[in-house]
Amino acid sequence: MFYILPVISCIILIIIDQFIKYLTVLNFYHGGKLEVIDNFFYLTYTGNPGAAWGILSGARVFFLITTFIVIILIGIYYVKMPRTKNTGLVRLSLILITSGAIGNFIDRLFMEDGKVVDMFHITFWGYYSFPVFNFADVLIVAGVVLLAVLILFCKNLELNIKKENKRKEEENMSD
C-alpha cells in the first residue's frame, strides 16, 4: 500500500506530460510558434534529438539505456530508503525525477528519430532565448533542485540506507 500513491503520482505526471506533447504534435507543425505572453513566453514545437540544449544529439540508444538504468536505480533506492518523516520530500523529488525521465524515455522510444517533443519557449524580452523544453524537463529540474536543496541544507536528513538500518538494529538490540 505504501508504494501505490507514488506509482499513481508517477503515472498521473507521465500522462500529463504525454498529453501536452500529444496536443503539441497535433496542433503545431514542426517549428510552429504561438506567442502566449508578448515577447516572453511561446509555445514552439520542436524535436530534440539530444539531452538538455541538444547535447549528445543523436545518441538515442545511449539515452534509452542510461535512462532505463537510472529509473531502475531510483526505484531500488526508493524501496530501500528508510521510511521516516524526514524522507518525504526526498521521495517527492525522486517521484518528480522518475516521472520526467519516463516521459522523455517514451518520446525517445516512440517518436520519429527518437526525438523528444519540446514546446515551452521562454525569451527574455528579445535579449536571450532559453532553449525550448517540455513538462518532463520541468519535472526533472524541479526534482533535482529539491533534492539538492535537501542534501545541502537539511542537517537531519537521513539518506544513508546502511546507516539507518544500523540505527534500527541498535534500537532493536537495546529493547
C-alpha atoms as a PDB file:
ATOM      1  CA  MET A   1       0.000   0.000   0.000  1.00  0.00           C
ATOM      2  CA  PHE A   2       2.919   2.324   0.786  1.00  0.00           C
ATOM      3  CA  TYR A   3       4.044   2.313  -2.854  1.00  0.00           C
ATOM      4  CA  ILE A   4       0.653   2.744  -4.541  1.00  0.00           C
ATOM      5  CA  LEU A   5       0.496   6.538  -4.113  1.00  0.00           C
ATOM      6  CA  PRO A   6       3.981   7.154  -5.585  1.00  0.00           C
ATOM      7  CA  VAL A   7       3.214   4.892  -8.550  1.00  0.00           C
ATOM      8  CA  ILE A   8      -0.130   6.618  -9.152  1.00  0.00           C
ATOM      9  CA  SER A   9       1.590  10.010  -8.837  1.00  0.00           C
ATOM     10  CA  CYS A  10       4.190   9.000 -11.437  1.00  0.00           C
ATOM     11  CA  ILE A  11       1.501   7.714 -13.784  1.00  0.00           C
ATOM     12  CA  ILE A  12      -0.520  10.942 -13.487  1.00  0.00           C
ATOM     13  CA  LEU A  13       2.550  13.121 -14.146  1.00  0.00           C
ATOM     14  CA  ILE A  14       3.564  10.968 -17.136  1.00  0.00           C
ATOM     15  CA  ILE A  15       0.018  11.185 -18.555  1.00  0.00           C
ATOM     16  CA  ILE A  16       0.057  14.989 -18.194  1.00  0.00           C
ATOM     17  CA  ASP A  17       3.440  15.134 -19.949  1.00  0.00           C
ATOM     18  CA  GLN A  18       2.358  12.870 -22.790  1.00  0.00           C
ATOM     19  CA  PHE A  19      -0.974  14.683 -23.200  1.00  0.00           C
ATOM     20  CA  ILE A  20       0.780  18.061 -23.521  1.00  0.00           C
ATOM     21  CA  LYS A  21       3.150  16.546 -26.083  1.00  0.00           C
ATOM     22  CA  TYR A  22       0.233  14.949 -27.964  1.00  0.00           C
ATOM     23  CA  LEU A  23      -1.559  18.305 -28.153  1.00  0.00           C
ATOM     24  CA  THR A  24       1.641  19.964 -29.355  1.00  0.00           C
ATOM     25  CA  VAL A  25       2.206  17.449 -32.149  1.00  0.00           C
ATOM     26  CA  LEU A  26      -1.488  17.543 -33.080  1.00  0.00           C
ATOM     27  CA  ASN A  27      -1.842  21.341 -33.221  1.00  0.00           C
ATOM     28  CA  PHE A  28       1.547  22.622 -34.399  1.00  0.00           C
ATOM     29  CA  TYR A  29       3.723  21.958 -37.388  1.00  0.00           C
ATOM     30  CA  HIS A  30       7.375  21.341 -36.533  1.00  0.00           C
ATOM     31  CA  GLY A  31       8.852  24.760 -35.798  1.00  0.00           C
ATOM     32  CA  GLY A  32       5.387  26.294 -35.347  1.00  0.00           C
ATOM     33  CA  LYS A  33       5.187  29.044 -32.765  1.00  0.00           C
ATOM     34  CA  LEU A  34       2.400  30.677 -30.751  1.00  0.00           C
ATOM     35  CA  GLU A  35       3.113  33.755 -28.665  1.00  0.00           C
ATOM     36  CA  VAL A  36       1.408  33.366 -25.270  1.00  0.00           C
ATOM     37  CA  ILE A  37       2.976  36.275 -23.356  1.00  0.00           C
ATOM     38  CA  ASP A  38       4.263  39.105 -25.527  1.00  0.00           C
ATOM     39  CA  ASN A  39       7.999  38.885 -26.126  1.00  0.00           C
ATOM     40  CA  PHE A  40       8.447  36.382 -23.249  1.00  0.00           C
ATOM     41  CA  PHE A  41       6.622  33.016 -23.445  1.00  0.00           C
ATOM     42  CA  TYR A  42       5.880  30.995 -26.576  1.00  0.00           C
ATOM     43  CA  LEU A  43       4.604  27.555 -27.431  1.00  0.00           C
ATOM     44  CA  THR A  44       7.064  26.285 -30.015  1.00  0.00           C
ATOM     45  CA  TYR A  45       7.033  22.747 -31.369  1.00  0.00           C
ATOM     46  CA  THR A  46      10.457  21.267 -31.837  1.00  0.00           C
ATOM     47  CA  GLY A  47      12.045  17.844 -31.592  1.00  0.00           C
ATOM     48  CA  ASN A  48      15.211  17.463 -29.560  1.00  0.00           C
ATOM     49  CA  PRO A  49      17.444  14.536 -30.608  1.00  0.00           C
ATOM     50  CA  GLY A  50      19.751  15.047 -27.608  1.00  0.00           C
ATOM     51  CA  ALA A  51      19.662  15.982 -23.944  1.00  0.00           C
ATOM     52  CA  ALA A  52      19.390  19.473 -22.468  1.00  0.00           C
ATOM     53  CA  TRP A  53      20.271  22.127 -25.049  1.00  0.00           C
ATOM     54  CA  GLY A  54      20.648  19.354 -27.623  1.00  0.00           C
ATOM     55  CA  ILE A  55      23.904  17.999 -26.217  1.00  0.00           C
ATOM     56  CA  LEU A  56      24.834  14.496 -27.394  1.00  0.00           C
ATOM     57  CA  SER A  57      22.487  14.929 -30.311  1.00  0.00           C
ATOM     58  CA  GLY A  58      21.615  11.641 -31.943  1.00  0.00           C
ATOM     59  CA  ALA A  59      22.706   9.439 -29.024  1.00  0.00           C
ATOM     60  CA  ARG A  60      19.272   7.794 -28.780  1.00  0.00           C
ATOM     61  CA  VAL A  61      20.461   4.332 -27.713  1.00  0.00           C
ATOM     62  CA  PHE A  62      22.751   5.838 -25.069  1.00  0.00           C
ATOM     63  CA  PHE A  63      19.854   7.854 -23.616  1.00  0.00           C
ATOM     64  CA  LEU A  64      17.476   4.894 -23.670  1.00  0.00           C
ATOM     65  CA  ILE A  65      19.934   2.624 -21.856  1.00  0.00           C
ATOM     66  CA  THR A  66      21.062   5.299 -19.398  1.00  0.00           C
ATOM     67  CA  THR A  67      17.511   6.380 -18.591  1.00  0.00           C
ATOM     68  CA  PHE A  68      16.407   2.783 -18.077  1.00  0.00           C
ATOM     69  CA  ILE A  69      19.304   2.153 -15.667  1.00  0.00           C
ATOM     70  CA  VAL A  70      18.685   5.408 -13.765  1.00  0.00           C
ATOM     71  CA  ILE A  71      14.962   4.629 -13.385  1.00  0.00           C
ATOM     72  CA  ILE A  72      15.779   1.152 -12.032  1.00  0.00           C
ATOM     73  CA  LEU A  73      18.367   2.558  -9.602  1.00  0.00           C
ATOM     74  CA  ILE A  74      15.982   5.254  -8.368  1.00  0.00           C
ATOM     75  CA  GLY A  75      13.298   2.600  -7.871  1.00  0.00           C
ATOM     76  CA  ILE A  76      15.632   0.379  -5.860  1.00  0.00           C
ATOM     77  CA  TYR A  77      16.782   3.316  -3.740  1.00  0.00           C
ATOM     78  CA  TYR A  78      13.176   4.446  -3.210  1.00  0.00           C
ATOM     79  CA  VAL A  79      12.156   0.993  -1.958  1.00  0.00           C
ATOM     80  CA  LYS A  80      15.192   0.626   0.324  1.00  0.00           C
ATOM     81  CA  MET A  81      15.087   4.198   1.623  1.00  0.00           C
ATOM     82  CA  PRO A  82      14.192   4.486   5.316  1.00  0.00           C
ATOM     83  CA  ARG A  83      10.528   5.229   5.989  1.00  0.00           C
ATOM     84  CA  THR A  84      10.985   8.230   8.210  1.00  0.00           C
ATOM     85  CA  LYS A  85       9.175  11.524   8.296  1.00  0.00           C
ATOM     86  CA  ASN A  86      12.398  13.209   7.187  1.00  0.00           C
ATOM     87  CA  THR A  87      12.402  11.474   3.793  1.00  0.00           C
ATOM     88  CA  GLY A  88       9.025  12.638   2.459  1.00  0.00           C
ATOM     89  CA  LEU A  89      10.459  15.461   0.358  1.00  0.00           C
ATOM     90  CA  VAL A  90      13.269  13.219  -0.856  1.00  0.00           C
ATOM     91  CA  ARG A  91      10.633  10.739  -2.014  1.00  0.00           C
ATOM     92  CA  LEU A  92       8.787  13.574  -3.775  1.00  0.00           C
ATOM     93  CA  SER A  93      11.968  14.623  -5.568  1.00  0.00           C
ATOM     94  CA  LEU A  94      12.532  11.048  -6.744  1.00  0.00           C
ATOM     95  CA  ILE A  95       8.931  10.821  -7.993  1.00  0.00           C
ATOM     96  CA  LEU A  96       9.402  14.044  -9.991  1.00  0.00           C
ATOM     97  CA  ILE A  97      12.742  12.930 -11.468  1.00  0.00           C
ATOM     98  CA  THR A  98      11.413   9.466 -12.345  1.00  0.00           C
ATOM     99  CA  SER A  99       8.220  10.805 -13.925  1.00  0.00           C
ATOM    100  CA  GLY A 100      10.141  13.261 -16.094  1.00  0.00           C
ATOM    101  CA  ALA A 101      12.700  10.648 -17.084  1.00  0.00           C
ATOM    102  CA  ILE A 102       9.974   8.205 -18.116  1.00  0.00           C
ATOM    103  CA  GLY A 103       8.117  10.938 -20.046  1.00  0.00           C
ATOM    104  CA  ASN A 104      11.197  11.703 -22.143  1.00  0.00           C
ATOM    105  CA  PHE A 105      12.055   7.987 -22.373  1.00  0.00           C
ATOM    106  CA  ILE A 106       8.664   7.364 -24.015  1.00  0.00           C
ATOM    107  CA  ASP A 107       9.419  10.049 -26.616  1.00  0.00           C
ATOM    108  CA  ARG A 108      12.862   8.635 -27.370  1.00  0.00           C
ATOM    109  CA  LEU A 109      11.362   5.188 -27.748  1.00  0.00           C
ATOM    110  CA  PHE A 110       8.352   6.030 -29.937  1.00  0.00           C
ATOM    111  CA  MET A 111       8.826   9.417 -31.621  1.00  0.00           C
ATOM    112  CA  GLU A 112      10.356   9.903 -35.056  1.00  0.00           C
ATOM    113  CA  ASP A 113      14.145   9.528 -34.888  1.00  0.00           C
ATOM    114  CA  GLY A 114      13.933   9.270 -31.095  1.00  0.00           C
ATOM    115  CA  LYS A 115      13.409  12.995 -30.698  1.00  0.00           C
ATOM    116  CA  VAL A 116      11.883  14.371 -27.513  1.00  0.00           C
ATOM    117  CA  VAL A 117       8.941  16.716 -28.129  1.00  0.00           C
ATOM    118  CA  ASP A 118       9.653  20.169 -26.680  1.00  0.00           C
ATOM    119  CA  MET A 119       7.217  23.066 -26.645  1.00  0.00           C
ATOM    120  CA  PHE A 120       7.838  25.652 -23.904  1.00  0.00           C
ATOM    121  CA  HIS A 121       9.981  28.537 -25.082  1.00  0.00           C
ATOM    122  CA  ILE A 122      10.998  31.489 -22.940  1.00  0.00           C
ATOM    123  CA  THR A 123      12.766  34.566 -24.227  1.00  0.00           C
ATOM    124  CA  PHE A 124      13.886  37.407 -22.067  1.00  0.00           C
ATOM    125  CA  TRP A 125      12.460  40.373 -23.939  1.00  0.00           C
ATOM    126  CA  GLY A 126      14.359  39.642 -27.099  1.00  0.00           C
ATOM    127  CA  TYR A 127      17.792  39.527 -25.469  1.00  0.00           C
ATOM    128  CA  TYR A 128      18.116  35.857 -24.565  1.00  0.00           C
ATOM    129  CA  SER A 129      16.240  32.858 -25.874  1.00  0.00           C
ATOM    130  CA  PHE A 130      16.207  29.948 -23.438  1.00  0.00           C
ATOM    131  CA  PRO A 131      16.238  26.538 -25.166  1.00  0.00           C
ATOM    132  CA  VAL A 132      12.811  25.007 -25.772  1.00  0.00           C
ATOM    133  CA  PHE A 133      11.822  22.451 -23.123  1.00  0.00           C
ATOM    134  CA  ASN A 134       8.861  20.319 -22.037  1.00  0.00           C
ATOM    135  CA  PHE A 135       6.868  19.348 -18.943  1.00  0.00           C
ATOM    136  CA  ALA A 136       9.067  16.284 -18.313  1.00  0.00           C
ATOM    137  CA  ASP A 137      12.115  18.577 -18.238  1.00  0.00           C
ATOM    138  CA  VAL A 138      10.352  20.764 -15.662  1.00  0.00           C
ATOM    139  CA  LEU A 139       9.680  17.684 -13.512  1.00  0.00           C
ATOM    140  CA  ILE A 140      13.315  16.556 -13.700  1.00  0.00           C
ATOM    141  CA  VAL A 141      14.716  20.001 -12.888  1.00  0.00           C
ATOM    142  CA  ALA A 142      12.236  20.549 -10.025  1.00  0.00           C
ATOM    143  CA  GLY A 143      13.116  17.130  -8.583  1.00  0.00           C
ATOM    144  CA  VAL A 144      16.867  17.685  -8.871  1.00  0.00           C
ATOM    145  CA  VAL A 145      16.680  21.194  -7.373  1.00  0.00           C
ATOM    146  CA  LEU A 146      14.522  19.941  -4.482  1.00  0.00           C
ATOM    147  CA  LEU A 147      16.902  17.050  -3.832  1.00  0.00           C
ATOM    148  CA  ALA A 148      19.943  19.359  -3.969  1.00  0.00           C
ATOM    149  CA  VAL A 149      18.359  21.800  -1.514  1.00  0.00           C
ATOM    150  CA  LEU A 150      17.509  18.963   0.859  1.00  0.00           C
ATOM    151  CA  ILE A 151      21.003  17.482   0.686  1.00  0.00           C
ATOM    152  CA  LEU A 152      22.710  20.855   1.128  1.00  0.00           C
ATOM    153  CA  PHE A 153      20.514  22.427   3.798  1.00  0.00           C
ATOM    154  CA  CYS A 154      18.767  19.712   5.829  1.00  0.00           C
ATOM    155  CA  LYS A 155      21.127  18.505   8.517  1.00  0.00           C
ATOM    156  CA  ASN A 156      18.870  15.790   9.926  1.00  0.00           C
ATOM    157  CA  LEU A 157      18.048  14.244   6.554  1.00  0.00           C
ATOM    158  CA  GLU A 158      18.664  10.501   6.671  1.00  0.00           C
ATOM    159  CA  LEU A 159      19.542   9.301   3.162  1.00  0.00           C
ATOM    160  CA  ASN A 160      22.081   6.661   4.013  1.00  0.00           C
ATOM    161  CA  ILE A 161      20.268   3.328   3.961  1.00  0.00           C
ATOM    162  CA  LYS A 162      23.032   1.379   5.724  1.00  0.00           C
ATOM    163  CA  LYS A 163      23.327   3.979   8.473  1.00  0.00           C
ATOM    164  CA  GLU A 164      19.559   3.956   9.067  1.00  0.00           C
ATOM    165  CA  ASN A 165      19.424   0.143   9.098  1.00  0.00           C
ATOM    166  CA  LYS A 166      22.307   0.039  11.591  1.00  0.00           C
ATOM    167  CA  ARG A 167      20.474   2.540  13.798  1.00  0.00           C
ATOM    168  CA  LYS A 168      17.334   0.352  13.697  1.00  0.00           C
ATOM    169  CA  GLU A 169      19.352  -2.740  14.604  1.00  0.00           C
ATOM    170  CA  GLU A 170      20.876  -0.909  17.573  1.00  0.00           C
ATOM    171  CA  GLU A 171      17.401   0.173  18.721  1.00  0.00           C
ATOM    172  CA  ASN A 172      16.136  -3.407  18.441  1.00  0.00           C
ATOM    173  CA  MET A 173      19.104  -4.733  20.430  1.00  0.00           C
ATOM    174  CA  SER A 174      18.534  -2.247  23.229  1.00  0.00           C
ATOM    175  CA  ASP A 175      14.867  -3.268  23.585  1.00  0.00           C
END
